[in-house]
PDB file of N, CA and C in Angstrom:
ATOM      1  N   MET A   1    -107.180  48.304 219.978  1.00  0.00           N
ATOM      2  CA  MET A   1    -108.414  49.027 219.779  1.00  0.00           C
ATOM      3  C   MET A   1    -109.583  48.058 219.839  1.00  0.00           C
ATOM      4  N   LEU A   2    -110.712  48.602 220.190  1.00  0.00           N
ATOM      5  CA  LEU A   2    -111.910  47.775 220.255  1.00  0.00           C
ATOM      6  C   LEU A   2    -112.413  47.482 218.844  1.00  0.00           C
ATOM      7  N   PRO A   3    -113.064  46.330 218.644  1.00  0.00           N
ATOM      8  CA  PRO A   3    -113.562  45.975 217.310  1.00  0.00           C
ATOM      9  C   PRO A   3    -114.682  46.909 216.839  1.00  0.00           C
ATOM     10  N   ARG A   4    -114.744  47.134 215.536  1.00  0.00           N
ATOM     11  CA  ARG A   4    -115.765  48.022 214.955  1.00  0.00           C
ATOM     12  C   ARG A   4    -117.174  47.501 215.217  1.00  0.00           C
ATOM     13  N   GLN A   5    -117.360  46.170 215.268  1.00  0.00           N
ATOM     14  CA  GLN A   5    -118.696  45.616 215.540  1.00  0.00           C
ATOM     15  C   GLN A   5    -119.186  46.059 216.913  1.00  0.00           C
ATOM     16  N   LEU A   6    -118.271  46.134 217.880  1.00  0.00           N
ATOM     17  CA  LEU A   6    -118.637  46.605 219.210  1.00  0.00           C
ATOM     18  C   LEU A   6    -119.033  48.076 219.160  1.00  0.00           C
ATOM     19  N   ALA A   7    -118.385  48.840 218.314  1.00  0.00           N
ATOM     20  CA  ALA A   7    -118.731  50.252 218.157  1.00  0.00           C
ATOM     21  C   ALA A   7    -120.169  50.395 217.677  1.00  0.00           C
ATOM     22  N   LYS A   8    -120.566  49.559 216.737  1.00  0.00           N
ATOM     23  CA  LYS A   8    -121.946  49.616 216.233  1.00  0.00           C
ATOM     24  C   LYS A   8    -122.939  49.268 217.331  1.00  0.00           C
ATOM     25  N   PHE A   9    -122.638  48.222 218.108  1.00  0.00           N
ATOM     26  CA  PHE A   9    -123.502  47.823 219.220  1.00  0.00           C
ATOM     27  C   PHE A   9    -123.599  48.961 220.238  1.00  0.00           C
ATOM     28  N   ASN A  10    -122.460  49.526 220.595  1.00  0.00           N
ATOM     29  CA  ASN A  10    -122.456  50.616 221.572  1.00  0.00           C
ATOM     30  C   ASN A  10    -123.252  51.815 221.088  1.00  0.00           C
ATOM     31  N   ARG A  11    -123.125  52.136 219.807  1.00  0.00           N
ATOM     32  CA  ARG A  11    -123.847  53.282 219.267  1.00  0.00           C
ATOM     33  C   ARG A  11    -125.355  53.074 219.376  1.00  0.00           C
ATOM     34  N   LEU A  12    -125.810  51.849 219.153  1.00  0.00           N
ATOM     35  CA  LEU A  12    -127.245  51.568 219.177  1.00  0.00           C
ATOM     36  C   LEU A  12    -127.793  51.295 220.573  1.00  0.00           C
ATOM     37  N   ILE A  13    -127.022  50.657 221.429  1.00  0.00           N
ATOM     38  CA  ILE A  13    -127.534  50.198 222.719  1.00  0.00           C
ATOM     39  C   ILE A  13    -126.876  50.913 223.904  1.00  0.00           C
ATOM     40  N   THR A  14    -125.599  50.709 224.090  1.00  0.00           N
ATOM     41  CA  THR A  14    -124.897  51.170 225.287  1.00  0.00           C
ATOM     42  C   THR A  14    -124.873  52.691 225.413  1.00  0.00           C
ATOM     43  N   ASN A  15    -124.665  53.408 224.326  1.00  0.00           N
ATOM     44  CA  ASN A  15    -124.530  54.861 224.399  1.00  0.00           C
ATOM     45  C   ASN A  15    -125.769  55.547 224.949  1.00  0.00           C
ATOM     46  N   ARG A  16    -126.922  54.943 224.797  1.00  0.00           N
ATOM     47  CA  ARG A  16    -128.145  55.558 225.330  1.00  0.00           C
ATOM     48  C   ARG A  16    -128.086  55.644 226.849  1.00  0.00           C
ATOM     49  N   THR A  17    -127.616  54.577 227.478  1.00  0.00           N
ATOM     50  CA  THR A  17    -127.480  54.571 228.933  1.00  0.00           C
ATOM     51  C   THR A  17    -126.285  55.412 229.357  1.00  0.00           C
ATOM     52  N   TYR A  18    -125.168  55.198 228.722  1.00  0.00           N
ATOM     53  CA  TYR A  18    -123.934  55.904 229.045  1.00  0.00           C
ATOM     54  C   TYR A  18    -124.118  57.407 228.872  1.00  0.00           C
ATOM     55  N   GLY A  19    -124.864  57.785 227.845  1.00  0.00           N
ATOM     56  CA  GLY A  19    -125.096  59.195 227.565  1.00  0.00           C
ATOM     57  C   GLY A  19    -125.801  59.921 228.690  1.00  0.00           C
ATOM     58  N   ARG A  20    -126.638  59.220 229.438  1.00  0.00           N
ATOM     59  CA  ARG A  20    -127.340  59.839 230.569  1.00  0.00           C
ATOM     60  C   ARG A  20    -126.380  60.180 231.699  1.00  0.00           C
ATOM     61  N   LEU A  21    -125.330  59.393 231.840  1.00  0.00           N
ATOM     62  CA  LEU A  21    -124.345  59.615 232.903  1.00  0.00           C
ATOM     63  C   LEU A  21    -123.211  60.534 232.468  1.00  0.00           C
ATOM     64  N   ALA A  22    -122.957  60.580 231.183  1.00  0.00           N
ATOM     65  CA  ALA A  22    -121.733  61.183 230.659  1.00  0.00           C
ATOM     66  C   ALA A  22    -121.539  62.649 231.027  1.00  0.00           C
ATOM     67  N   GLY A  23    -122.559  63.416 231.115  1.00  0.00           N
ATOM     68  CA  GLY A  23    -122.396  64.831 231.431  1.00  0.00           C
ATOM     69  C   GLY A  23    -122.218  65.115 232.906  1.00  0.00           C
ATOM     70  N   HIS A  24    -122.317  64.075 233.741  1.00  0.00           N
ATOM     71  CA  HIS A  24    -122.284  64.276 235.189  1.00  0.00           C
ATOM     72  C   HIS A  24    -121.040  63.708 235.859  1.00  0.00           C
ATOM     73  N   ALA A  25    -120.600  62.545 235.460  1.00  0.00           N
ATOM     74  CA  ALA A  25    -119.457  61.885 236.101  1.00  0.00           C
ATOM     75  C   ALA A  25    -118.152  62.569 235.686  1.00  0.00           C
ATOM     76  N   PRO A  26    -117.167  62.655 236.591  1.00  0.00           N
ATOM     77  CA  PRO A  26    -115.935  63.389 236.292  1.00  0.00           C
ATOM     78  C   PRO A  26    -115.115  62.842 235.134  1.00  0.00           C
ATOM     79  N   TRP A  27    -115.163  61.564 234.871  1.00  0.00           N
ATOM     80  CA  TRP A  27    -114.334  60.975 233.808  1.00  0.00           C
ATOM     81  C   TRP A  27    -115.112  60.785 232.509  1.00  0.00           C
ATOM     82  N   MET A  28    -116.352  61.247 232.494  1.00  0.00           N
ATOM     83  CA  MET A  28    -117.189  61.084 231.302  1.00  0.00           C
ATOM     84  C   MET A  28    -117.565  62.447 230.733  1.00  0.00           C
ATOM     85  N   GLY A  29    -117.871  62.443 229.451  1.00  0.00           N
ATOM     86  CA  GLY A  29    -118.324  63.660 228.809  1.00  0.00           C
ATOM     87  C   GLY A  29    -119.107  63.339 227.556  1.00  0.00           C
ATOM     88  N   ILE A  30    -119.714  64.364 226.999  1.00  0.00           N
ATOM     89  CA  ILE A  30    -120.445  64.238 225.736  1.00  0.00           C
ATOM     90  C   ILE A  30    -119.838  65.242 224.766  1.00  0.00           C
ATOM     91  N   VAL A  31    -119.299  64.744 223.674  1.00  0.00           N
ATOM     92  CA  VAL A  31    -118.768  65.605 222.622  1.00  0.00           C
ATOM     93  C   VAL A  31    -119.932  65.990 221.716  1.00  0.00           C
ATOM     94  N   VAL A  32    -120.148  67.291 221.556  1.00  0.00           N
ATOM     95  CA  VAL A  32    -121.196  67.804 220.668  1.00  0.00           C
ATOM     96  C   VAL A  32    -120.492  68.300 219.406  1.00  0.00           C
ATOM     97  N   HIS A  33    -120.849  67.699 218.273  1.00  0.00           N
ATOM     98  CA  HIS A  33    -120.166  67.998 217.010  1.00  0.00           C
ATOM     99  C   HIS A  33    -121.159  67.916 215.865  1.00  0.00           C
ATOM    100  N   ARG A  34    -120.741  68.354 214.687  1.00  0.00           N
ATOM    101  CA  ARG A  34    -121.595  68.317 213.493  1.00  0.00           C
ATOM    102  C   ARG A  34    -121.005  67.374 212.459  1.00  0.00           C
ATOM    103  N   GLY A  35    -121.903  66.690 211.746  1.00  0.00           N
ATOM    104  CA  GLY A  35    -121.473  65.807 210.668  1.00  0.00           C
ATOM    105  C   GLY A  35    -120.808  66.598 209.557  1.00  0.00           C
ATOM    106  N   ARG A  36    -119.798  66.014 208.953  1.00  0.00           N
ATOM    107  CA  ARG A  36    -119.060  66.703 207.895  1.00  0.00           C
ATOM    108  C   ARG A  36    -119.920  66.957 206.666  1.00  0.00           C
ATOM    109  N   LYS A  37    -120.790  66.036 206.339  1.00  0.00           N
ATOM    110  CA  LYS A  37    -121.631  66.183 205.147  1.00  0.00           C
ATOM    111  C   LYS A  37    -123.045  66.621 205.506  1.00  0.00           C
ATOM    112  N   SER A  38    -123.620  65.990 206.517  1.00  0.00           N
ATOM    113  CA  SER A  38    -125.019  66.246 206.864  1.00  0.00           C
ATOM    114  C   SER A  38    -125.213  67.556 207.618  1.00  0.00           C
ATOM    115  N   ARG A  39    -124.161  68.039 208.302  1.00  0.00           N
ATOM    116  CA  ARG A  39    -124.221  69.216 209.178  1.00  0.00           C
ATOM    117  C   ARG A  39    -125.161  68.987 210.368  1.00  0.00           C
ATOM    118  N   ARG A  40    -125.601  67.751 210.529  1.00  0.00           N
ATOM    119  CA  ARG A  40    -126.472  67.385 211.649  1.00  0.00           C
ATOM    120  C   ARG A  40    -125.664  67.381 212.950  1.00  0.00           C
ATOM    121  N   GLU A  41    -126.294  67.784 214.051  1.00  0.00           N
ATOM    122  CA  GLU A  41    -125.615  67.763 215.348  1.00  0.00           C
ATOM    123  C   GLU A  41    -125.645  66.360 215.934  1.00  0.00           C
ATOM    124  N   TYR A  42    -124.502  65.933 216.443  1.00  0.00           N
ATOM    125  CA  TYR A  42    -124.381  64.630 217.097  1.00  0.00           C
ATOM    126  C   TYR A  42    -123.856  64.830 218.510  1.00  0.00           C
ATOM    127  N   ARG A  43    -124.209  63.903 219.391  1.00  0.00           N
ATOM    128  CA  ARG A  43    -123.746  63.908 220.777  1.00  0.00           C
ATOM    129  C   ARG A  43    -123.146  62.535 221.057  1.00  0.00           C
ATOM    130  N   THR A  44    -121.850  62.502 221.280  1.00  0.00           N
ATOM    131  CA  THR A  44    -121.122  61.244 221.446  1.00  0.00           C
ATOM    132  C   THR A  44    -120.549  61.141 222.855  1.00  0.00           C
ATOM    133  N   PRO A  45    -120.955  60.120 223.628  1.00  0.00           N
ATOM    134  CA  PRO A  45    -120.371  59.938 224.960  1.00  0.00           C
ATOM    135  C   PRO A  45    -118.928  59.444 224.865  1.00  0.00           C
ATOM    136  N   VAL A  46    -118.071  60.008 225.711  1.00  0.00           N
ATOM    137  CA  VAL A  46    -116.639  59.693 225.676  1.00  0.00           C
ATOM    138  C   VAL A  46    -116.059  59.652 227.090  1.00  0.00           C
ATOM    139  N   ASN A  47    -114.841  59.120 227.195  1.00  0.00           N
ATOM    140  CA  ASN A  47    -114.058  59.176 228.432  1.00  0.00           C
ATOM    141  C   ASN A  47    -113.114  60.361 228.311  1.00  0.00           C
ATOM    142  N   VAL A  48    -113.191  61.287 229.275  1.00  0.00           N
ATOM    143  CA  VAL A  48    -112.399  62.513 229.206  1.00  0.00           C
ATOM    144  C   VAL A  48    -111.382  62.580 230.338  1.00  0.00           C
ATOM    145  N   HIS A  49    -110.283  63.252 230.054  1.00  0.00           N
ATOM    146  CA  HIS A  49    -109.209  63.420 231.025  1.00  0.00           C
ATOM    147  C   HIS A  49    -108.740  64.872 230.937  1.00  0.00           C
ATOM    148  N   PRO A  50    -109.072  65.707 231.934  1.00  0.00           N
ATOM    149  CA  PRO A  50    -108.652  67.110 231.880  1.00  0.00           C
ATOM    150  C   PRO A  50    -107.139  67.252 232.047  1.00  0.00           C
ATOM    151  N   PHE A  51    -106.591  68.291 231.449  1.00  0.00           N
ATOM    152  CA  PHE A  51    -105.207  68.688 231.686  1.00  0.00           C
ATOM    153  C   PHE A  51    -105.201  70.211 231.740  1.00  0.00           C
ATOM    154  N   ALA A  52    -104.076  70.821 232.009  1.00  0.00           N
ATOM    155  CA  ALA A  52    -104.012  72.259 232.283  1.00  0.00           C
ATOM    156  C   ALA A  52    -104.663  73.124 231.207  1.00  0.00           C
ATOM    157  N   ASP A  53    -104.485  72.778 229.931  1.00  0.00           N
ATOM    158  CA  ASP A  53    -104.958  73.626 228.837  1.00  0.00           C
ATOM    159  C   ASP A  53    -106.241  73.155 228.170  1.00  0.00           C
ATOM    160  N   GLY A  54    -106.815  72.028 228.611  1.00  0.00           N
ATOM    161  CA  GLY A  54    -108.021  71.527 227.965  1.00  0.00           C
ATOM    162  C   GLY A  54    -108.352  70.119 228.404  1.00  0.00           C
ATOM    163  N   TYR A  55    -108.686  69.277 227.411  1.00  0.00           N
ATOM    164  CA  TYR A  55    -109.076  67.893 227.687  1.00  0.00           C
ATOM    165  C   TYR A  55    -108.409  66.945 226.706  1.00  0.00           C
ATOM    166  N   ARG A  56    -108.207  65.715 227.180  1.00  0.00           N
ATOM    167  CA  ARG A  56    -107.766  64.612 226.335  1.00  0.00           C
ATOM    168  C   ARG A  56    -108.862  63.563 226.367  1.00  0.00           C
ATOM    169  N   ILE A  57    -109.166  63.020 225.206  1.00  0.00           N
ATOM    170  CA  ILE A  57    -110.237  62.031 225.071  1.00  0.00           C
ATOM    171  C   ILE A  57    -109.631  60.755 224.506  1.00  0.00           C
ATOM    172  N   SER A  58    -109.807  59.661 225.226  1.00  0.00           N
ATOM    173  CA  SER A  58    -109.266  58.388 224.737  1.00  0.00           C
ATOM    174  C   SER A  58    -110.051  57.931 223.516  1.00  0.00           C
ATOM    175  N   LEU A  59    -109.338  57.457 222.511  1.00  0.00           N
ATOM    176  CA  LEU A  59    -109.954  57.012 221.258  1.00  0.00           C
ATOM    177  C   LEU A  59    -109.993  55.487 221.252  1.00  0.00           C
ATOM    178  N   ASP A  60    -110.962  54.947 221.954  1.00  0.00           N
ATOM    179  CA  ASP A  60    -111.069  53.495 222.124  1.00  0.00           C
ATOM    180  C   ASP A  60    -111.248  52.750 220.811  1.00  0.00           C
ATOM    181  N   TYR A  61    -111.834  53.405 219.815  1.00  0.00           N
ATOM    182  CA  TYR A  61    -112.058  52.771 218.511  1.00  0.00           C
ATOM    183  C   TYR A  61    -111.105  53.301 217.451  1.00  0.00           C
ATOM    184  N   GLY A  62    -110.133  54.088 217.871  1.00  0.00           N
ATOM    185  CA  GLY A  62    -109.135  54.594 216.946  1.00  0.00           C
ATOM    186  C   GLY A  62    -109.503  55.941 216.349  1.00  0.00           C
ATOM    187  N   PRO A  63    -108.570  56.539 215.620  1.00  0.00           N
ATOM    188  CA  PRO A  63    -108.768  57.874 215.061  1.00  0.00           C
ATOM    189  C   PRO A  63    -109.667  57.915 213.828  1.00  0.00           C
ATOM    190  N   GLU A  64    -110.077  56.756 213.319  1.00  0.00           N
ATOM    191  CA  GLU A  64    -110.927  56.730 212.126  1.00  0.00           C
ATOM    192  C   GLU A  64    -112.408  56.901 212.447  1.00  0.00           C
ATOM    193  N   SER A  65    -112.768  56.938 213.720  1.00  0.00           N
ATOM    194  CA  SER A  65    -114.177  57.078 214.099  1.00  0.00           C
ATOM    195  C   SER A  65    -114.757  58.350 213.496  1.00  0.00           C
ATOM    196  N   ASP A  66    -116.014  58.270 213.066  1.00  0.00           N
ATOM    197  CA  ASP A  66    -116.660  59.421 212.432  1.00  0.00           C
ATOM    198  C   ASP A  66    -116.631  60.661 213.315  1.00  0.00           C
ATOM    199  N   TRP A  67    -116.927  60.491 214.601  1.00  0.00           N
ATOM    200  CA  TRP A  67    -116.987  61.672 215.466  1.00  0.00           C
ATOM    201  C   TRP A  67    -115.625  62.354 215.560  1.00  0.00           C
ATOM    202  N   VAL A  68    -114.544  61.582 215.564  1.00  0.00           N
ATOM    203  CA  VAL A  68    -113.195  62.160 215.625  1.00  0.00           C
ATOM    204  C   VAL A  68    -112.933  62.958 214.351  1.00  0.00           C
ATOM    205  N   GLN A  69    -113.263  62.378 213.211  1.00  0.00           N
ATOM    206  CA  GLN A  69    -113.060  63.067 211.940  1.00  0.00           C
ATOM    207  C   GLN A  69    -113.907  64.336 211.863  1.00  0.00           C
ATOM    208  N   ASN A  70    -115.127  64.287 212.416  1.00  0.00           N
ATOM    209  CA  ASN A  70    -115.983  65.477 212.439  1.00  0.00           C
ATOM    210  C   ASN A  70    -115.346  66.596 213.259  1.00  0.00           C
ATOM    211  N   VAL A  71    -114.866  66.261 214.449  1.00  0.00           N
ATOM    212  CA  VAL A  71    -114.260  67.263 215.335  1.00  0.00           C
ATOM    213  C   VAL A  71    -113.016  67.867 214.692  1.00  0.00           C
ATOM    214  N   VAL A  72    -112.183  67.036 214.092  1.00  0.00           N
ATOM    215  CA  VAL A  72    -110.970  67.530 213.435  1.00  0.00           C
ATOM    216  C   VAL A  72    -111.348  68.440 212.265  1.00  0.00           C
ATOM    217  N   ALA A  73    -112.327  68.027 211.458  1.00  0.00           N
ATOM    218  CA  ALA A  73    -112.735  68.814 210.289  1.00  0.00           C
ATOM    219  C   ALA A  73    -113.305  70.174 210.680  1.00  0.00           C
ATOM    220  N   GLN A  74    -114.054  70.230 211.780  1.00  0.00           N
ATOM    221  CA  GLN A  74    -114.656  71.510 212.164  1.00  0.00           C
ATOM    222  C   GLN A  74    -113.743  72.329 213.075  1.00  0.00           C
ATOM    223  N   GLY A  75    -112.600  71.776 213.461  1.00  0.00           N
ATOM    224  CA  GLY A  75    -111.628  72.531 214.241  1.00  0.00           C
ATOM    225  C   GLY A  75    -111.936  72.648 215.717  1.00  0.00           C
ATOM    226  N   GLY A  76    -112.841  71.810 216.209  1.00  0.00           N
ATOM    227  CA  GLY A  76    -113.169  71.833 217.633  1.00  0.00           C
ATOM    228  C   GLY A  76    -114.555  71.285 217.884  1.00  0.00           C
ATOM    229  N   CYS A  77    -115.010  71.445 219.127  1.00  0.00           N
ATOM    230  CA  CYS A  77    -116.322  70.934 219.509  1.00  0.00           C
ATOM    231  C   CYS A  77    -116.720  71.541 220.846  1.00  0.00           C
ATOM    232  N   SER A  78    -117.916  71.218 221.277  1.00  0.00           N
ATOM    233  CA  SER A  78    -118.346  71.509 222.642  1.00  0.00           C
ATOM    234  C   SER A  78    -118.223  70.216 223.419  1.00  0.00           C
ATOM    235  N   LEU A  79    -117.902  70.324 224.698  1.00  0.00           N
ATOM    236  CA  LEU A  79    -117.816  69.161 225.567  1.00  0.00           C
ATOM    237  C   LEU A  79    -118.666  69.427 226.798  1.00  0.00           C
ATOM    238  N   VAL A  80    -119.623  68.534 227.047  1.00  0.00           N
ATOM    239  CA  VAL A  80    -120.440  68.612 228.254  1.00  0.00           C
ATOM    240  C   VAL A  80    -119.836  67.637 229.253  1.00  0.00           C
ATOM    241  N   THR A  81    -119.372  68.160 230.380  1.00  0.00           N
ATOM    242  CA  THR A  81    -118.787  67.321 231.420  1.00  0.00           C
ATOM    243  C   THR A  81    -118.956  68.009 232.765  1.00  0.00           C
ATOM    244  N   ARG A  82    -119.191  67.210 233.785  1.00  0.00           N
ATOM    245  CA  ARG A  82    -119.394  67.736 235.142  1.00  0.00           C
ATOM    246  C   ARG A  82    -120.472  68.808 235.174  1.00  0.00           C
ATOM    247  N   ARG A  83    -121.506  68.591 234.388  1.00  0.00           N
ATOM    248  CA  ARG A  83    -122.679  69.471 234.324  1.00  0.00           C
ATOM    249  C   ARG A  83    -122.399  70.869 233.778  1.00  0.00           C
ATOM    250  N   LYS A  84    -121.335  71.008 233.010  1.00  0.00           N
ATOM    251  CA  LYS A  84    -121.068  72.287 232.354  1.00  0.00           C
ATOM    252  C   LYS A  84    -120.603  72.026 230.926  1.00  0.00           C
ATOM    253  N   THR A  85    -120.732  73.052 230.094  1.00  0.00           N
ATOM    254  CA  THR A  85    -120.320  72.951 228.692  1.00  0.00           C
ATOM    255  C   THR A  85    -119.095  73.826 228.477  1.00  0.00           C
ATOM    256  N   VAL A  86    -118.075  73.247 227.856  1.00  0.00           N
ATOM    257  CA  VAL A  86    -116.866  74.005 227.525  1.00  0.00           C
ATOM    258  C   VAL A  86    -116.642  73.929 226.016  1.00  0.00           C
ATOM    259  N   GLU A  87    -116.140  75.011 225.472  1.00  0.00           N
ATOM    260  CA  GLU A  87    -115.808  75.058 224.049  1.00  0.00           C
ATOM    261  C   GLU A  87    -114.330  74.720 223.893  1.00  0.00           C
ATOM    262  N   LEU A  88    -114.039  73.819 222.968  1.00  0.00           N
ATOM    263  CA  LEU A  88    -112.673  73.351 222.758  1.00  0.00           C
ATOM    264  C   LEU A  88    -112.273  73.503 221.296  1.00  0.00           C
ATOM    265  N   VAL A  89    -111.002  73.796 221.063  1.00  0.00           N
ATOM    266  CA  VAL A  89    -110.481  74.007 219.707  1.00  0.00           C
ATOM    267  C   VAL A  89    -109.144  73.281 219.546  1.00  0.00           C
ATOM    268  N   ALA A  90    -108.575  73.421 218.374  1.00  0.00           N
ATOM    269  CA  ALA A  90    -107.244  72.891 218.037  1.00  0.00           C
ATOM    270  C   ALA A  90    -107.127  71.390 218.284  1.00  0.00           C
ATOM    271  N   PRO A  91    -108.033  70.595 217.684  1.00  0.00           N
ATOM    272  CA  PRO A  91    -107.964  69.149 217.912  1.00  0.00           C
ATOM    273  C   PRO A  91    -106.703  68.534 217.301  1.00  0.00           C
ATOM    274  N   GLN A  92    -106.079  67.655 218.075  1.00  0.00           N
ATOM    275  CA  GLN A  92    -104.909  66.921 217.595  1.00  0.00           C
ATOM    276  C   GLN A  92    -105.084  65.457 217.962  1.00  0.00           C
ATOM    277  N   VAL A  93    -104.959  64.587 216.972  1.00  0.00           N
ATOM    278  CA  VAL A  93    -104.946  63.149 217.241  1.00  0.00           C
ATOM    279  C   VAL A  93    -103.497  62.783 217.521  1.00  0.00           C
ATOM    280  N   ILE A  94    -103.271  62.198 218.689  1.00  0.00           N
ATOM    281  CA  ILE A  94    -101.910  61.882 219.116  1.00  0.00           C
ATOM    282  C   ILE A  94    -101.807  60.396 219.419  1.00  0.00           C
ATOM    283  N   GLN A  95    -100.764  59.781 218.875  1.00  0.00           N
ATOM    284  CA  GLN A  95    -100.509  58.367 219.165  1.00  0.00           C
ATOM    285  C   GLN A  95     -99.520  58.300 220.319  1.00  0.00           C
ATOM    286  N   TYR A  96     -99.928  57.617 221.382  1.00  0.00           N
ATOM    287  CA  TYR A  96     -99.090  57.502 222.571  1.00  0.00           C
ATOM    288  C   TYR A  96     -99.442  56.201 223.262  1.00  0.00           C
ATOM    289  N   PRO A  97     -98.882  55.088 222.822  1.00  0.00           N
ATOM    290  CA  PRO A  97     -99.270  53.759 223.301  1.00  0.00           C
ATOM    291  C   PRO A  97     -99.167  53.556 224.810  1.00  0.00           C
ATOM    292  N   GLU A  98     -98.248  54.252 225.483  1.00  0.00           N
ATOM    293  CA  GLU A  98     -98.068  54.028 226.916  1.00  0.00           C
ATOM    294  C   GLU A  98     -99.190  54.636 227.750  1.00  0.00           C
ATOM    295  N   ALA A  99     -99.927  55.575 227.201  1.00  0.00           N
ATOM    296  CA  ALA A  99    -101.051  56.243 227.873  1.00  0.00           C
ATOM    297  C   ALA A  99    -100.646  56.905 229.183  1.00  0.00           C
ATOM    298  N   ASN A 100     -99.412  57.398 229.271  1.00  0.00           N
ATOM    299  CA  ASN A 100     -98.970  58.092 230.483  1.00  0.00           C
ATOM    300  C   ASN A 100     -99.729  59.390 230.727  1.00  0.00           C
ATOM    301  N   TRP A 101    -100.419  59.879 229.732  1.00  0.00           N
ATOM    302  CA  TRP A 101    -101.201  61.100 229.857  1.00  0.00           C
ATOM    303  C   TRP A 101    -102.473  60.879 230.676  1.00  0.00           C
ATOM    304  N   ALA A 102    -102.892  59.625 230.830  1.00  0.00           N
ATOM    305  CA  ALA A 102    -104.147  59.297 231.524  1.00  0.00           C
ATOM    306  C   ALA A 102    -103.874  58.967 232.994  1.00  0.00           C
ATOM    307  N   PRO A 103    -104.898  59.119 233.852  1.00  0.00           N
ATOM    308  CA  PRO A 103    -104.750  58.707 235.252  1.00  0.00           C
ATOM    309  C   PRO A 103    -104.461  57.204 235.338  1.00  0.00           C
ATOM    310  N   PRO A 104    -103.840  56.738 236.433  1.00  0.00           N
ATOM    311  CA  PRO A 104    -103.443  55.324 236.555  1.00  0.00           C
ATOM    312  C   PRO A 104    -104.564  54.313 236.296  1.00  0.00           C
ATOM    313  N   ALA A 105    -105.751  54.535 236.838  1.00  0.00           N
ATOM    314  CA  ALA A 105    -106.853  53.581 236.624  1.00  0.00           C
ATOM    315  C   ALA A 105    -107.225  53.510 235.147  1.00  0.00           C
ATOM    316  N   ALA A 106    -107.288  54.658 234.488  1.00  0.00           N
ATOM    317  CA  ALA A 106    -107.617  54.692 233.060  1.00  0.00           C
ATOM    318  C   ALA A 106    -106.512  54.048 232.236  1.00  0.00           C
ATOM    319  N   ARG A 107    -105.263  54.223 232.656  1.00  0.00           N
ATOM    320  CA  ARG A 107    -104.126  53.625 231.951  1.00  0.00           C
ATOM    321  C   ARG A 107    -104.255  52.116 231.845  1.00  0.00           C
ATOM    322  N   ARG A 108    -104.663  51.494 232.937  1.00  0.00           N
ATOM    323  CA  ARG A 108    -104.816  50.032 232.941  1.00  0.00           C
ATOM    324  C   ARG A 108    -105.894  49.594 231.952  1.00  0.00           C
ATOM    325  N   ILE A 109    -106.997  50.320 231.930  1.00  0.00           N
ATOM    326  CA  ILE A 109    -108.089  49.985 231.007  1.00  0.00           C
ATOM    327  C   ILE A 109    -107.630  50.188 229.565  1.00  0.00           C
ATOM    328  N   LEU A 110    -106.988  51.311 229.290  1.00  0.00           N
ATOM    329  CA  LEU A 110    -106.521  51.596 227.931  1.00  0.00           C
ATOM    330  C   LEU A 110    -105.505  50.566 227.460  1.00  0.00           C
ATOM    331  N   ALA A 111    -104.682  50.080 228.367  1.00  0.00           N
ATOM    332  CA  ALA A 111    -103.708  49.042 228.002  1.00  0.00           C
ATOM    333  C   ALA A 111    -104.417  47.762 227.592  1.00  0.00           C
ATOM    334  N   LYS A 112    -105.503  47.417 228.281  1.00  0.00           N
ATOM    335  CA  LYS A 112    -106.259  46.205 227.928  1.00  0.00           C
ATOM    336  C   LYS A 112    -106.979  46.366 226.598  1.00  0.00           C
ATOM    337  N   VAL A 113    -107.495  47.566 226.358  1.00  0.00           N
ATOM    338  CA  VAL A 113    -108.214  47.841 225.114  1.00  0.00           C
ATOM    339  C   VAL A 113    -107.236  47.907 223.943  1.00  0.00           C
ATOM    340  N   GLY A 114    -106.024  48.337 224.216  1.00  0.00           N
ATOM    341  CA  GLY A 114    -105.024  48.443 223.157  1.00  0.00           C
ATOM    342  C   GLY A 114    -105.136  49.715 222.349  1.00  0.00           C
ATOM    343  N   SER A 115    -105.778  50.720 222.936  1.00  0.00           N
ATOM    344  CA  SER A 115    -105.915  51.995 222.244  1.00  0.00           C
ATOM    345  C   SER A 115    -104.676  52.833 222.485  1.00  0.00           C
ATOM    346  N   GLY A 116    -103.969  53.149 221.439  1.00  0.00           N
ATOM    347  CA  GLY A 116    -102.764  53.952 221.570  1.00  0.00           C
ATOM    348  C   GLY A 116    -102.960  55.387 221.131  1.00  0.00           C
ATOM    349  N   TYR A 117    -104.217  55.832 221.014  1.00  0.00           N
ATOM    350  CA  TYR A 117    -104.493  57.173 220.513  1.00  0.00           C
ATOM    351  C   TYR A 117    -105.358  57.951 221.494  1.00  0.00           C
ATOM    352  N   TYR A 118    -105.172  59.272 221.462  1.00  0.00           N
ATOM    353  CA  TYR A 118    -106.105  60.151 222.161  1.00  0.00           C
ATOM    354  C   TYR A 118    -106.279  61.421 221.342  1.00  0.00           C
ATOM    355  N   LEU A 119    -107.376  62.113 221.606  1.00  0.00           N
ATOM    356  CA  LEU A 119    -107.665  63.387 220.957  1.00  0.00           C
ATOM    357  C   LEU A 119    -107.436  64.476 221.991  1.00  0.00           C
ATOM    358  N   GLN A 120    -106.572  65.411 221.676  1.00  0.00           N
ATOM    359  CA  GLN A 120    -106.291  66.520 222.591  1.00  0.00           C
ATOM    360  C   GLN A 120    -106.948  67.778 222.055  1.00  0.00           C
ATOM    361  N   LEU A 121    -107.670  68.467 222.921  1.00  0.00           N
ATOM    362  CA  LEU A 121    -108.334  69.717 222.557  1.00  0.00           C
ATOM    363  C   LEU A 121    -108.009  70.764 223.614  1.00  0.00           C
ATOM    364  N   ARG A 122    -107.909  72.004 223.175  1.00  0.00           N
ATOM    365  CA  ARG A 122    -107.566  73.098 224.093  1.00  0.00           C
ATOM    366  C   ARG A 122    -108.767  74.021 224.298  1.00  0.00           C
ATOM    367  N   TYR A 123    -108.775  74.663 225.470  1.00  0.00           N
ATOM    368  CA  TYR A 123    -109.814  75.648 225.751  1.00  0.00           C
ATOM    369  C   TYR A 123    -109.726  76.787 224.747  1.00  0.00           C
ATOM    370  N   VAL A 124    -110.861  77.401 224.440  1.00  0.00           N
ATOM    371  CA  VAL A 124    -110.887  78.595 223.602  1.00  0.00           C
ATOM    372  C   VAL A 124    -110.256  79.727 224.407  1.00  0.00           C
ATOM    373  N   ASP A 125    -109.350  80.488 223.784  1.00  0.00           N
ATOM    374  CA  ASP A 125    -108.683  81.605 224.498  1.00  0.00           C
ATOM    375  C   ASP A 125    -109.656  82.690 224.858  1.00  0.00           C
TER     376      ASP A 125
END
């Protein structure tokens, strides 16, 4: 997993740039969620991987990230990707170190990062 200090840097600096691209590029997205205590809306740029029933999101900083806990607590989120918004439910944090669920290029990156977790969400029925 990536170090927490890098997460702080990314939140303050990198995410501003990444966030502009995230809703447009096929492998990027923006998770729209609410804080567990503040109820404030947050927009978190992420790497997304579609599958038949929804999306999988790589957890580069692990399952303890605030946004992951927010999505799990509220039972889902909105995801902006490829210029559209989809509603997702039934979040599951899954540990899968081999990352076979991800496309080959993403697998190589995830192996270097050492992230063995992803968040799986399903489309609203």
